[in-house]
Protein backbone atom coordinates (compact mmCIF):
# COMPACT_ATOMS: atom_id res chain seq x y z
CA MET A 1 0.00 0.00 0.00
CA SER A 2 1.29 3.44 -0.86
CA THR A 3 1.39 6.24 1.62
CA ALA A 4 0.45 9.76 0.70
CA THR A 5 1.79 13.15 1.34
CA THR A 6 -1.08 15.48 2.08
CA GLN A 7 -1.32 19.07 1.02
CA PRO A 8 -4.18 21.52 0.66
CA ALA A 9 -4.64 23.42 -2.60
CA GLN A 10 -2.21 26.08 -1.33
CA PRO A 11 1.12 24.25 -0.79
CA SER A 12 2.11 26.54 2.10
CA GLN A 13 -0.42 24.91 4.45
CA THR A 14 -0.32 21.36 5.77
CA ALA A 15 -3.14 18.98 6.62
CA THR A 16 -3.13 17.40 10.06
CA ALA A 17 -5.52 14.49 9.47
CA LYS A 18 -4.62 10.87 8.85
CA GLY A 19 -6.08 11.20 5.39
CA ILE A 20 -6.71 8.66 2.67
CA GLN A 21 -4.64 5.69 1.55
CA VAL A 22 -4.60 4.02 -1.86
CA THR A 23 -3.26 0.52 -2.48
CA ASP A 24 -0.69 -0.13 -5.19
CA LYS A 25 -3.23 -2.16 -7.17
CA ALA A 26 -5.73 0.71 -7.11
CA LEU A 27 -2.99 3.17 -8.12
CA GLY A 28 -2.18 1.03 -11.14
CA LYS A 29 -5.82 1.05 -12.26
CA VAL A 30 -6.08 4.83 -11.70
CA ARG A 31 -2.91 5.45 -13.75
CA GLY A 32 -4.22 3.33 -16.62
CA ALA A 33 -7.63 5.01 -16.62
CA MET A 34 -6.09 8.50 -16.45
CA ALA A 35 -3.93 7.73 -19.47
CA LYS A 36 -6.94 6.35 -21.35
CA GLU A 37 -8.97 9.49 -20.53
CA GLY A 38 -6.10 11.81 -21.45
CA ILE A 39 -5.87 13.34 -17.95
CA SER A 40 -2.45 14.82 -17.21
CA PRO A 41 -1.05 13.65 -13.83
CA GLU A 42 0.68 17.03 -13.41
CA GLN A 43 -2.61 18.95 -13.49
CA GLY A 44 -5.44 16.49 -12.96
CA GLY A 45 -6.24 13.69 -10.59
CA LEU A 46 -8.80 11.36 -9.11
CA ARG A 47 -11.65 13.03 -7.24
CA LEU A 48 -13.18 11.08 -4.36
CA GLY A 49 -16.35 12.36 -2.80
CA VAL A 50 -19.51 11.54 -0.91
CA GLN A 51 -23.04 12.50 -1.88
CA GLY A 52 -26.45 11.88 -0.43
CA GLY A 53 -28.35 8.89 -1.80
CA GLY A 54 -27.97 5.18 -2.29
CA CYS A 55 -29.32 2.26 -0.30
CA SER A 56 -27.70 3.30 2.98
CA GLY A 57 -27.98 7.09 2.78
CA LEU A 58 -24.59 8.13 1.38
CA SER A 59 -22.84 7.13 -1.84
CA TYR A 60 -19.22 7.24 -2.93
CA ASN A 61 -18.45 9.38 -5.95
CA VAL A 62 -15.33 8.64 -8.03
CA ARG A 63 -14.34 10.59 -11.13
CA PHE A 64 -11.43 12.34 -12.77
CA ASP A 65 -10.91 16.07 -12.51
CA THR A 66 -8.61 18.27 -14.54
CA GLN A 67 -7.51 20.33 -11.54
CA PRO A 68 -8.11 20.66 -7.77
CA ARG A 69 -10.66 23.10 -6.39
CA GLU A 70 -9.72 25.92 -4.04
CA ARG A 71 -10.47 24.16 -0.73
CA ASP A 72 -9.63 20.57 -1.75
CA ARG A 73 -7.30 18.37 0.23
CA ILE A 74 -4.74 16.91 -2.15
CA PHE A 75 -3.17 13.53 -1.47
CA GLN A 76 -0.08 12.72 -3.55
CA PHE A 77 0.81 9.08 -4.33
CA ALA A 78 3.95 9.29 -6.49
CA ASP A 79 2.51 10.51 -9.83
CA VAL A 80 -1.19 10.22 -8.86
CA ARG A 81 -3.08 12.95 -7.03
CA VAL A 82 -6.36 12.40 -5.19
CA PHE A 83 -8.66 15.40 -4.59
CA VAL A 84 -11.19 15.45 -1.74
CA ASP A 85 -13.52 18.34 -0.92
CA PRO A 86 -13.79 19.38 2.76
CA LYS A 87 -17.33 18.01 3.32
CA SER A 88 -16.48 14.61 1.83
CA PHE A 89 -13.27 14.44 3.86
CA ILE A 90 -15.36 14.25 7.04
CA TYR A 91 -16.68 10.87 5.84
CA LEU A 92 -13.54 9.65 4.01
CA ASN A 93 -10.84 10.39 6.60
CA GLY A 94 -8.97 7.15 7.29
CA MET A 95 -10.36 5.37 4.22
CA ILE A 96 -8.36 2.95 2.06
CA LEU A 97 -9.15 2.76 -1.65
CA ASP A 98 -8.39 -0.71 -3.01
CA TYR A 99 -9.03 -2.53 -6.27
CA GLN A 100 -10.19 -6.14 -6.36
CA GLU A 101 -10.65 -8.60 -9.20
CA THR A 102 -12.53 -11.79 -8.50
CA LEU A 103 -14.52 -14.24 -10.60
CA MET A 104 -17.72 -12.47 -9.51
CA GLN A 105 -16.73 -8.81 -9.76
CA GLN A 106 -14.00 -6.30 -10.31
CA GLY A 107 -13.70 -2.70 -9.24
CA PHE A 108 -12.68 -0.25 -6.58
CA VAL A 109 -13.36 -1.18 -2.97
CA PHE A 110 -13.77 1.39 -0.21
CA VAL A 111 -12.46 0.28 3.18
CA ASN A 112 -13.91 3.04 5.32
CA PRO A 113 -13.67 3.06 9.13
CA GLN A 114 -16.23 5.92 9.20
CA ALA A 115 -18.94 3.68 7.70
CA THR A 116 -21.26 2.17 10.30
CA LYS A 117 -23.30 0.28 7.71
CA SER A 118 -22.95 -0.46 4.01
CA CYS A 119 -25.10 -2.15 1.42
CA GLY A 120 -24.22 -5.14 -0.73
CA CYS A 121 -23.28 -3.07 -3.77
CA GLY A 122 -20.31 -1.57 -1.91
CA THR A 123 -20.92 2.00 -3.11
CA SER A 124 -23.43 3.08 -0.47
CA PHE A 125 -22.89 3.52 3.27
CA SER A 126 -24.04 5.34 6.37
CA ALA A 127 -21.89 7.01 9.00
């Protein structure tokens, strides 16, 4: 598993939270998808977020973004950046993003200590 250096959008400040971790397998999938989408690692990154909805009340949101927003927390994993907005960070702090491939399914897996309940689909949770 890779560890991240954390920085807010302005590099002069530092984040004090334990943050988000991403496994090496997940990083490999993110790198491949970013290249396929034409997203530059120097400017863009993976945006992780939380929104209302889903079976358990909250849903994970994963997409690419061309640049961080003003108040984002930025987690750097070698050449991959992960952007998280302040409201989502409340629910994602301490989370591990993994990638699993089995005979039944493949995709990103959220290991979130903030989640008190999750549904079978793996993309919805409550905190």
